[in-house]
Amino acid sequence: MEQQNSNTAVATVTDQSQITAKLLNDYFATLTDKLTDVQRNQFAAVAQAFGLNPFKREIYATTYRNKDGQTVMSIVTGYEVYLKRAEMNPNYDGFETEFHVVDKQMNCTCKVYRKDRRMPITSTVWMAEYSTGRSLWATKPRMMLEKVAIATAFRRAFPTDFGGMPYTNDELPEHMTGADKLEQQGYTEVQQAAPVAQVEPPKAAKTQDEKDANWLAMCDELRARNPEVFDNYMKQHNVPDVAEIKGSKDRQKLYTELKSTIDFAEKEANNG
């Protein structure tokens, strides 16, 4: 049993399925829209439960952006999976499809035969209920409708084998959202909550005493760098005491000039 990778939140898998955490991570890396950890978990759980390999197109995730900019996922199974899995069942005895037109509406019926049943299990699907009128539905409507009939009939004929398996993409109406598609298949789209911004409480305004103390500390720091230059500047500009400078603009101007004077003096001393 391979252990779960906590960094990717991929569930453990059995040796039988061979749907390993590495295989799933490699598949996730091919997606243009990256899935959330919750979506990856959901996809991985379904793939591993049914032993479906995404690189063989047995299962895949379709994603799109909703109006809120979030990546929404739907899980889809390739219809060939139903054919392959049915052949592994000892009771499977073949299938057949046939088309009919009723009131100008085309339908397709798939009959699945089991050796342990007297009558075939059938499913009839209608073009009007599934066709999008675009892409292959426009150019190959019979082929597309037959695929839907096969998938629905096989799911009915082998509920133990296919119960809970994701639908094929052709069975899910194009207008459905990813959440609707999952709900129709018995799953629930789980979105990760957006991180809540940590809002810092507003800082209390400094009192005048705090401002004064901060101003004096800044001046003391400048004077410590070069007391002689500092004191000379104060005498030349008739500033008896920095504590007497009250306005913020006046303090900023004095500090800037003092700092520039001391910076220049230190530069000259270093060059000399």
C-alpha atoms as a PDB file:
ATOM      1  CA  MET A   1       0.000   0.000   0.000  1.00  0.00           C
ATOM      2  CA  GLU A   2       1.473   3.321  -1.024  1.00  0.00           C
ATOM      3  CA  GLN A   3       1.207   6.003   1.627  1.00  0.00           C
ATOM      4  CA  GLN A   4      -0.529   9.320   1.094  1.00  0.00           C
ATOM      5  CA  ASN A   5       1.594  12.262   0.038  1.00  0.00           C
ATOM      6  CA  SER A   6       0.629  14.975   2.500  1.00  0.00           C
ATOM      7  CA  ASN A   7       1.954  17.719   0.239  1.00  0.00           C
ATOM      8  CA  THR A   8      -0.412  16.865  -2.594  1.00  0.00           C
ATOM      9  CA  ALA A   9      -3.279  15.465  -0.534  1.00  0.00           C
ATOM     10  CA  VAL A  10      -3.633  12.469  -2.842  1.00  0.00           C
ATOM     11  CA  ALA A  11      -5.299   9.480  -1.225  1.00  0.00           C
ATOM     12  CA  THR A  12      -3.662   6.098  -0.886  1.00  0.00           C
ATOM     13  CA  VAL A  13      -4.139   3.571  -3.665  1.00  0.00           C
ATOM     14  CA  THR A  14      -4.157  -0.171  -3.936  1.00  0.00           C
ATOM     15  CA  ASP A  15      -1.597  -2.145  -5.917  1.00  0.00           C
ATOM     16  CA  GLN A  16      -4.449  -3.542  -7.998  1.00  0.00           C
ATOM     17  CA  SER A  17      -5.494  -0.214  -9.503  1.00  0.00           C
ATOM     18  CA  GLN A  18      -1.966   1.022 -10.205  1.00  0.00           C
ATOM     19  CA  ILE A  19      -3.391   4.524 -10.078  1.00  0.00           C
ATOM     20  CA  THR A  20      -0.525   5.861  -8.023  1.00  0.00           C
ATOM     21  CA  ALA A  21      -0.038   9.236  -6.410  1.00  0.00           C
ATOM     22  CA  LYS A  22       2.774   9.973  -8.871  1.00  0.00           C
ATOM     23  CA  LEU A  23       0.577   9.180 -11.881  1.00  0.00           C
ATOM     24  CA  LEU A  24      -2.144  11.482 -10.598  1.00  0.00           C
ATOM     25  CA  ASN A  25       0.304  14.266  -9.803  1.00  0.00           C
ATOM     26  CA  ASP A  26       1.756  13.974 -13.304  1.00  0.00           C
ATOM     27  CA  TYR A  27      -1.754  14.302 -14.695  1.00  0.00           C
ATOM     28  CA  PHE A  28      -2.563  17.320 -12.532  1.00  0.00           C
ATOM     29  CA  ALA A  29       0.582  18.984 -13.864  1.00  0.00           C
ATOM     30  CA  THR A  30      -0.789  18.769 -17.435  1.00  0.00           C
ATOM     31  CA  LEU A  31      -3.902  20.810 -16.615  1.00  0.00           C
ATOM     32  CA  THR A  32      -3.876  24.423 -17.758  1.00  0.00           C
ATOM     33  CA  ASP A  33      -6.061  25.457 -14.840  1.00  0.00           C
ATOM     34  CA  LYS A  34      -4.614  24.152 -11.601  1.00  0.00           C
ATOM     35  CA  LEU A  35      -7.050  22.404  -9.290  1.00  0.00           C
ATOM     36  CA  THR A  36      -7.411  23.220  -5.633  1.00  0.00           C
ATOM     37  CA  ASP A  37      -6.305  20.610  -3.105  1.00  0.00           C
ATOM     38  CA  VAL A  38      -9.971  19.769  -2.455  1.00  0.00           C
ATOM     39  CA  GLN A  39     -10.643  19.238  -6.175  1.00  0.00           C
ATOM     40  CA  ARG A  40      -7.473  17.151  -6.548  1.00  0.00           C
ATOM     41  CA  ASN A  41      -8.629  15.022  -3.613  1.00  0.00           C
ATOM     42  CA  GLN A  42     -12.040  14.547  -5.166  1.00  0.00           C
ATOM     43  CA  PHE A  43     -10.660  13.595  -8.572  1.00  0.00           C
ATOM     44  CA  ALA A  44      -8.040  11.284  -7.060  1.00  0.00           C
ATOM     45  CA  ALA A  45     -10.624   9.517  -4.892  1.00  0.00           C
ATOM     46  CA  VAL A  46     -12.856   8.754  -7.901  1.00  0.00           C
ATOM     47  CA  ALA A  47      -9.948   7.692 -10.140  1.00  0.00           C
ATOM     48  CA  GLN A  48      -8.563   5.368  -7.495  1.00  0.00           C
ATOM     49  CA  ALA A  49     -11.930   3.939  -6.465  1.00  0.00           C
ATOM     50  CA  PHE A  50     -12.594   2.741 -10.021  1.00  0.00           C
ATOM     51  CA  GLY A  51      -8.970   2.229 -11.099  1.00  0.00           C
ATOM     52  CA  LEU A  52      -9.299   4.772 -13.942  1.00  0.00           C
ATOM     53  CA  ASN A  53      -6.146   6.033 -15.646  1.00  0.00           C
ATOM     54  CA  PRO A  54      -6.361   9.694 -16.763  1.00  0.00           C
ATOM     55  CA  PHE A  55      -3.526   9.288 -19.293  1.00  0.00           C
ATOM     56  CA  LYS A  56      -5.590   6.620 -21.079  1.00  0.00           C
ATOM     57  CA  ARG A  57      -8.519   9.065 -21.163  1.00  0.00           C
ATOM     58  CA  GLU A  58     -10.462   6.699 -18.918  1.00  0.00           C
ATOM     59  CA  ILE A  59     -11.189   9.643 -16.653  1.00  0.00           C
ATOM     60  CA  TYR A  60     -10.402  13.301 -16.908  1.00  0.00           C
ATOM     61  CA  ALA A  61     -11.174  16.610 -15.298  1.00  0.00           C
ATOM     62  CA  THR A  62     -12.682  19.426 -17.309  1.00  0.00           C
ATOM     63  CA  THR A  63     -12.242  22.870 -15.841  1.00  0.00           C
ATOM     64  CA  TYR A  64     -13.497  26.357 -16.574  1.00  0.00           C
ATOM     65  CA  ARG A  65     -13.629  29.732 -14.890  1.00  0.00           C
ATOM     66  CA  ASN A  66     -16.906  30.818 -13.367  1.00  0.00           C
ATOM     67  CA  LYS A  67     -18.044  34.425 -13.130  1.00  0.00           C
ATOM     68  CA  ASP A  68     -16.166  34.821  -9.846  1.00  0.00           C
ATOM     69  CA  GLY A  69     -12.904  33.746 -11.468  1.00  0.00           C
ATOM     70  CA  GLN A  70     -12.768  30.441  -9.594  1.00  0.00           C
ATOM     71  CA  THR A  71     -11.689  27.222 -11.299  1.00  0.00           C
ATOM     72  CA  VAL A  72     -14.662  24.822 -11.368  1.00  0.00           C
ATOM     73  CA  MET A  73     -14.160  21.138 -12.132  1.00  0.00           C
ATOM     74  CA  SER A  74     -16.294  18.335 -13.504  1.00  0.00           C
ATOM     75  CA  ILE A  75     -15.188  14.686 -13.601  1.00  0.00           C
ATOM     76  CA  VAL A  76     -15.805  12.769 -16.842  1.00  0.00           C
ATOM     77  CA  THR A  77     -15.335   9.134 -17.894  1.00  0.00           C
ATOM     78  CA  GLY A  78     -14.571   7.938 -21.423  1.00  0.00           C
ATOM     79  CA  TYR A  79     -17.418   5.761 -22.738  1.00  0.00           C
ATOM     80  CA  GLU A  80     -14.971   3.047 -23.826  1.00  0.00           C
ATOM     81  CA  VAL A  81     -14.472   2.325 -20.128  1.00  0.00           C
ATOM     82  CA  TYR A  82     -17.971   0.834 -19.990  1.00  0.00           C
ATOM     83  CA  LEU A  83     -17.192  -1.500 -22.893  1.00  0.00           C
ATOM     84  CA  LYS A  84     -13.851  -2.618 -21.459  1.00  0.00           C
ATOM     85  CA  ARG A  85     -15.172  -3.200 -17.955  1.00  0.00           C
ATOM     86  CA  ALA A  86     -18.229  -5.097 -19.190  1.00  0.00           C
ATOM     87  CA  GLU A  87     -16.010  -7.546 -21.068  1.00  0.00           C
ATOM     88  CA  MET A  88     -14.350  -8.415 -17.765  1.00  0.00           C
ATOM     89  CA  ASN A  89     -17.695  -9.519 -16.318  1.00  0.00           C
ATOM     90  CA  PRO A  90     -18.302 -13.277 -16.902  1.00  0.00           C
ATOM     91  CA  ASN A  91     -22.027 -12.627 -17.391  1.00  0.00           C
ATOM     92  CA  TYR A  92     -21.568 -10.155 -20.237  1.00  0.00           C
ATOM     93  CA  ASP A  93     -23.013 -11.472 -23.509  1.00  0.00           C
ATOM     94  CA  GLY A  94     -22.735  -8.568 -25.954  1.00  0.00           C
ATOM     95  CA  PHE A  95     -24.865  -5.571 -26.944  1.00  0.00           C
ATOM     96  CA  GLU A  96     -26.599  -4.034 -29.945  1.00  0.00           C
ATOM     97  CA  THR A  97     -27.917  -0.590 -30.876  1.00  0.00           C
ATOM     98  CA  GLU A  98     -30.686   0.554 -33.164  1.00  0.00           C
ATOM     99  CA  PHE A  99     -32.024   3.929 -34.283  1.00  0.00           C
ATOM    100  CA  HIS A 100     -35.635   5.039 -34.683  1.00  0.00           C
ATOM    101  CA  VAL A 101     -37.411   8.245 -35.652  1.00  0.00           C
ATOM    102  CA  VAL A 102     -40.635   9.089 -33.828  1.00  0.00           C
ATOM    103  CA  ASP A 103     -42.474  12.318 -34.661  1.00  0.00           C
ATOM    104  CA  LYS A 104     -39.388  13.523 -36.519  1.00  0.00           C
ATOM    105  CA  GLN A 105     -37.279  12.955 -33.403  1.00  0.00           C
ATOM    106  CA  MET A 106     -34.385  10.508 -33.551  1.00  0.00           C
ATOM    107  CA  ASN A 107     -33.614   8.152 -30.714  1.00  0.00           C
ATOM    108  CA  CYS A 108     -31.114   5.360 -30.138  1.00  0.00           C
ATOM    109  CA  THR A 109     -31.743   2.214 -28.123  1.00  0.00           C
ATOM    110  CA  CYS A 110     -28.937   0.101 -26.721  1.00  0.00           C
ATOM    111  CA  LYS A 111     -29.637  -3.480 -25.593  1.00  0.00           C
ATOM    112  CA  VAL A 112     -27.124  -5.147 -23.290  1.00  0.00           C
ATOM    113  CA  TYR A 113     -27.251  -8.919 -22.899  1.00  0.00           C
ATOM    114  CA  ARG A 114     -26.290 -10.817 -19.777  1.00  0.00           C
ATOM    115  CA  LYS A 115     -25.977 -14.590 -19.520  1.00  0.00           C
ATOM    116  CA  ASP A 116     -27.777 -14.561 -16.204  1.00  0.00           C
ATOM    117  CA  ARG A 117     -30.783 -12.576 -17.497  1.00  0.00           C
ATOM    118  CA  ARG A 118     -33.621 -13.732 -19.712  1.00  0.00           C
ATOM    119  CA  MET A 119     -34.262 -10.290 -21.183  1.00  0.00           C
ATOM    120  CA  PRO A 120     -31.759  -7.667 -22.323  1.00  0.00           C
ATOM    121  CA  ILE A 121     -31.322  -4.472 -20.337  1.00  0.00           C
ATOM    122  CA  THR A 122     -32.197  -1.533 -22.562  1.00  0.00           C
ATOM    123  CA  SER A 123     -31.812   2.222 -22.605  1.00  0.00           C
ATOM    124  CA  THR A 124     -33.314   4.640 -25.131  1.00  0.00           C
ATOM    125  CA  VAL A 125     -31.952   8.169 -25.472  1.00  0.00           C
ATOM    126  CA  TRP A 126     -33.301  11.010 -27.603  1.00  0.00           C
ATOM    127  CA  MET A 127     -31.325  13.380 -29.790  1.00  0.00           C
ATOM    128  CA  ALA A 128     -33.290  16.388 -28.554  1.00  0.00           C
ATOM    129  CA  GLU A 129     -32.259  15.703 -24.973  1.00  0.00           C
ATOM    130  CA  TYR A 130     -28.502  15.516 -25.560  1.00  0.00           C
ATOM    131  CA  SER A 131     -27.478  17.231 -28.798  1.00  0.00           C
ATOM    132  CA  THR A 132     -25.748  20.580 -28.425  1.00  0.00           C
ATOM    133  CA  GLY A 133     -25.930  21.214 -32.158  1.00  0.00           C
ATOM    134  CA  ARG A 134     -22.230  21.982 -32.182  1.00  0.00           C
ATOM    135  CA  SER A 135     -18.954  20.197 -32.781  1.00  0.00           C
ATOM    136  CA  LEU A 136     -19.385  16.427 -33.332  1.00  0.00           C
ATOM    137  CA  TRP A 137     -23.073  16.673 -32.466  1.00  0.00           C
ATOM    138  CA  ALA A 138     -23.456  18.714 -35.654  1.00  0.00           C
ATOM    139  CA  THR A 139     -21.265  16.542 -37.915  1.00  0.00           C
ATOM    140  CA  LYS A 140     -21.735  13.038 -36.435  1.00  0.00           C
ATOM    141  CA  PRO A 141     -25.007  13.097 -34.467  1.00  0.00           C
ATOM    142  CA  ARG A 142     -25.743   9.341 -34.757  1.00  0.00           C
ATOM    143  CA  MET A 143     -22.319   8.391 -33.455  1.00  0.00           C
ATOM    144  CA  MET A 144     -22.657  10.757 -30.513  1.00  0.00           C
ATOM    145  CA  LEU A 145     -26.166   9.604 -29.641  1.00  0.00           C
ATOM    146  CA  GLU A 146     -25.074   5.963 -29.823  1.00  0.00           C
ATOM    147  CA  LYS A 147     -22.254   6.643 -27.356  1.00  0.00           C
ATOM    148  CA  VAL A 148     -24.754   8.075 -24.891  1.00  0.00           C
ATOM    149  CA  ALA A 149     -27.086   5.087 -25.334  1.00  0.00           C
ATOM    150  CA  ILE A 150     -24.232   2.641 -24.753  1.00  0.00           C
ATOM    151  CA  ALA A 151     -23.032   4.348 -21.589  1.00  0.00           C
ATOM    152  CA  THR A 152     -26.498   4.595 -20.034  1.00  0.00           C
ATOM    153  CA  ALA A 153     -27.425   1.013 -20.939  1.00  0.00           C
ATOM    154  CA  PHE A 154     -24.197  -0.495 -19.616  1.00  0.00           C
ATOM    155  CA  ARG A 155     -24.580   1.423 -16.369  1.00  0.00           C
ATOM    156  CA  ARG A 156     -28.035  -0.103 -15.954  1.00  0.00           C
ATOM    157  CA  ALA A 157     -26.903  -3.580 -16.939  1.00  0.00           C
ATOM    158  CA  PHE A 158     -23.944  -3.660 -14.523  1.00  0.00           C
ATOM    159  CA  PRO A 159     -24.855  -1.436 -11.565  1.00  0.00           C
ATOM    160  CA  THR A 160     -22.374  -3.169  -9.290  1.00  0.00           C
ATOM    161  CA  ASP A 161     -19.486  -2.500 -11.680  1.00  0.00           C
ATOM    162  CA  PHE A 162     -20.477   1.006 -12.740  1.00  0.00           C
ATOM    163  CA  GLY A 163     -22.475   2.362  -9.818  1.00  0.00           C
ATOM    164  CA  GLY A 164     -21.056   5.759  -8.878  1.00  0.00           C
ATOM    165  CA  MET A 165     -18.725   5.934 -11.870  1.00  0.00           C
ATOM    166  CA  PRO A 166     -18.685   9.400 -13.486  1.00  0.00           C
ATOM    167  CA  TYR A 167     -20.818   9.909 -16.581  1.00  0.00           C
ATOM    168  CA  THR A 168     -19.362  10.365 -20.041  1.00  0.00           C
ATOM    169  CA  ASN A 169     -19.045  13.921 -21.258  1.00  0.00           C
ATOM    170  CA  ASP A 170     -21.661  13.304 -23.980  1.00  0.00           C
ATOM    171  CA  GLU A 171     -24.285  12.418 -21.371  1.00  0.00           C
ATOM    172  CA  LEU A 172     -23.958  15.744 -19.608  1.00  0.00           C
ATOM    173  CA  PRO A 173     -25.650  18.720 -21.272  1.00  0.00           C
ATOM    174  CA  GLU A 174     -23.170  21.365 -22.367  1.00  0.00           C
ATOM    175  CA  HIS A 175     -25.009  24.155 -20.550  1.00  0.00           C
ATOM    176  CA  MET A 176     -24.506  22.450 -17.188  1.00  0.00           C
ATOM    177  CA  THR A 177     -22.003  23.942 -14.809  1.00  0.00           C
ATOM    178  CA  GLY A 178     -19.315  21.745 -13.292  1.00  0.00           C
ATOM    179  CA  ALA A 179     -21.218  21.628  -9.995  1.00  0.00           C
ATOM    180  CA  ASP A 180     -24.444  20.581 -11.780  1.00  0.00           C
ATOM    181  CA  LYS A 181     -22.610  17.820 -13.665  1.00  0.00           C
ATOM    182  CA  LEU A 182     -21.151  16.435 -10.476  1.00  0.00           C
ATOM    183  CA  GLU A 183     -24.501  16.625  -8.700  1.00  0.00           C
ATOM    184  CA  GLN A 184     -26.181  14.674 -11.511  1.00  0.00           C
ATOM    185  CA  GLN A 185     -23.570  11.961 -11.019  1.00  0.00           C
ATOM    186  CA  GLY A 186     -24.032  11.838  -7.260  1.00  0.00           C
ATOM    187  CA  TYR A 187     -21.020  13.960  -6.321  1.00  0.00           C
ATOM    188  CA  THR A 188     -20.754  17.342  -4.718  1.00  0.00           C
ATOM    189  CA  GLU A 189     -18.493  20.085  -5.956  1.00  0.00           C
ATOM    190  CA  VAL A 190     -16.473  21.238  -2.977  1.00  0.00           C
ATOM    191  CA  GLN A 191     -14.822  24.610  -3.287  1.00  0.00           C
ATOM    192  CA  GLN A 192     -12.047  25.713  -1.018  1.00  0.00           C
ATOM    193  CA  ALA A 193     -12.994  28.820   0.861  1.00  0.00           C
ATOM    194  CA  ALA A 194     -11.017  31.837  -0.201  1.00  0.00           C
ATOM    195  CA  PRO A 195      -8.491  32.848   2.426  1.00  0.00           C
ATOM    196  CA  VAL A 196      -9.863  35.535   4.674  1.00  0.00           C
ATOM    197  CA  ALA A 197      -7.709  38.619   4.589  1.00  0.00           C
ATOM    198  CA  GLN A 198      -6.196  39.362   7.936  1.00  0.00           C
ATOM    199  CA  VAL A 199      -7.122  42.945   8.651  1.00  0.00           C
ATOM    200  CA  GLU A 200      -4.862  44.569  11.196  1.00  0.00           C
ATOM    201  CA  PRO A 201      -6.596  46.768  13.701  1.00  0.00           C
ATOM    202  CA  PRO A 202      -5.962  50.458  12.998  1.00  0.00           C
ATOM    203  CA  LYS A 203      -3.008  51.796  14.873  1.00  0.00           C
ATOM    204  CA  ALA A 204      -3.847  54.377  17.446  1.00  0.00           C
ATOM    205  CA  ALA A 205      -2.670  57.871  16.576  1.00  0.00           C
ATOM    206  CA  LYS A 206       0.417  58.943  18.446  1.00  0.00           C
ATOM    207  CA  THR A 207      -0.071  61.436  21.216  1.00  0.00           C
ATOM    208  CA  GLN A 208       1.794  64.741  21.091  1.00  0.00           C
ATOM    209  CA  ASP A 209       4.105  63.577  23.864  1.00  0.00           C
ATOM    210  CA  GLU A 210       5.013  60.489  21.811  1.00  0.00           C
ATOM    211  CA  LYS A 211       5.662  62.627  18.747  1.00  0.00           C
ATOM    212  CA  ASP A 212       7.874  64.960  20.767  1.00  0.00           C
ATOM    213  CA  ALA A 213       9.827  62.053  22.260  1.00  0.00           C
ATOM    214  CA  ASN A 214      10.323  60.539  18.811  1.00  0.00           C
ATOM    215  CA  TRP A 215      11.576  63.876  17.439  1.00  0.00           C
ATOM    216  CA  LEU A 216      14.111  64.301  20.212  1.00  0.00           C
ATOM    217  CA  ALA A 217      15.354  60.717  19.743  1.00  0.00           C
ATOM    218  CA  MET A 218      15.908  61.353  16.029  1.00  0.00           C
ATOM    219  CA  CYS A 219      17.876  64.507  16.767  1.00  0.00           C
ATOM    220  CA  ASP A 220      19.954  62.775  19.424  1.00  0.00           C
ATOM    221  CA  GLU A 221      20.835  60.062  16.899  1.00  0.00           C
ATOM    222  CA  LEU A 222      22.027  62.678  14.405  1.00  0.00           C
ATOM    223  CA  ARG A 223      24.075  64.550  17.011  1.00  0.00           C
ATOM    224  CA  ALA A 224      25.731  61.300  18.138  1.00  0.00           C
ATOM    225  CA  ARG A 225      27.088  60.851  14.598  1.00  0.00           C
ATOM    226  CA  ASN A 226      28.933  64.211  14.625  1.00  0.00           C
ATOM    227  CA  PRO A 227      28.369  66.531  17.624  1.00  0.00           C
ATOM    228  CA  GLU A 228      30.611  69.313  16.253  1.00  0.00           C
ATOM    229  CA  VAL A 229      28.841  69.618  12.898  1.00  0.00           C
ATOM    230  CA  PHE A 230      25.467  69.330  14.610  1.00  0.00           C
ATOM    231  CA  ASP A 231      26.163  72.113  17.135  1.00  0.00           C
ATOM    232  CA  ASN A 232      27.714  74.407  14.498  1.00  0.00           C
ATOM    233  CA  TYR A 233      24.647  74.055  12.295  1.00  0.00           C
ATOM    234  CA  MET A 234      22.358  74.917  15.218  1.00  0.00           C
ATOM    235  CA  LYS A 235      24.410  78.089  16.021  1.00  0.00           C
ATOM    236  CA  GLN A 236      24.580  79.219  12.394  1.00  0.00           C
ATOM    237  CA  HIS A 237      20.820  78.910  11.995  1.00  0.00           C
ATOM    238  CA  ASN A 238      19.977  80.366  15.414  1.00  0.00           C
ATOM    239  CA  VAL A 239      18.230  77.259  16.666  1.00  0.00           C
ATOM    240  CA  PRO A 240      18.741  77.304  20.427  1.00  0.00           C
ATOM    241  CA  ASP A 241      17.042  73.960  21.136  1.00  0.00           C
ATOM    242  CA  VAL A 242      15.487  71.312  18.879  1.00  0.00           C
ATOM    243  CA  ALA A 243      12.785  70.838  21.491  1.00  0.00           C
ATOM    244  CA  GLU A 244      11.414  74.248  20.545  1.00  0.00           C
ATOM    245  CA  ILE A 245      10.682  73.136  16.984  1.00  0.00           C
ATOM    246  CA  LYS A 246       6.986  72.167  17.123  1.00  0.00           C
ATOM    247  CA  GLY A 247       5.515  72.009  13.651  1.00  0.00           C
ATOM    248  CA  SER A 248       5.905  68.727  11.748  1.00  0.00           C
ATOM    249  CA  LYS A 249       6.933  70.521   8.551  1.00  0.00           C
ATOM    250  CA  ASP A 250       9.532  72.581  10.418  1.00  0.00           C
ATOM    251  CA  ARG A 251      10.858  69.448  12.108  1.00  0.00           C
ATOM    252  CA  GLN A 252      11.080  67.597   8.795  1.00  0.00           C
ATOM    253  CA  LYS A 253      12.927  70.494   7.157  1.00  0.00           C
ATOM    254  CA  LEU A 254      15.404  70.849  10.010  1.00  0.00           C
ATOM    255  CA  TYR A 255      16.052  67.109  10.192  1.00  0.00           C
ATOM    256  CA  THR A 256      16.633  66.854   6.426  1.00  0.00           C
ATOM    257  CA  GLU A 257      19.088  69.759   6.422  1.00  0.00           C
ATOM    258  CA  LEU A 258      20.926  68.492   9.491  1.00  0.00           C
ATOM    259  CA  LYS A 259      21.245  65.014   8.050  1.00  0.00           C
ATOM    260  CA  SER A 260      22.481  66.322   4.694  1.00  0.00           C
ATOM    261  CA  THR A 261      25.069  68.512   6.417  1.00  0.00           C
ATOM    262  CA  ILE A 262      26.372  65.648   8.550  1.00  0.00           C
ATOM    263  CA  ASP A 263      26.389  63.240   5.561  1.00  0.00           C
ATOM    264  CA  PHE A 264      28.455  65.773   3.570  1.00  0.00           C
ATOM    265  CA  ALA A 265      30.880  66.344   6.444  1.00  0.00           C
ATOM    266  CA  GLU A 266      31.462  62.614   6.872  1.00  0.00           C
ATOM    267  CA  LYS A 267      32.028  62.205   3.138  1.00  0.00           C
ATOM    268  CA  GLU A 268      34.576  65.007   3.125  1.00  0.00           C
ATOM    269  CA  ALA A 269      36.373  63.538   6.123  1.00  0.00           C
ATOM    270  CA  ASN A 270      36.579  60.134   4.451  1.00  0.00           C
ATOM    271  CA  ASN A 271      37.923  61.649   1.232  1.00  0.00           C
ATOM    272  CA  GLY A 272      40.513  63.664   3.142  1.00  0.00           C
END
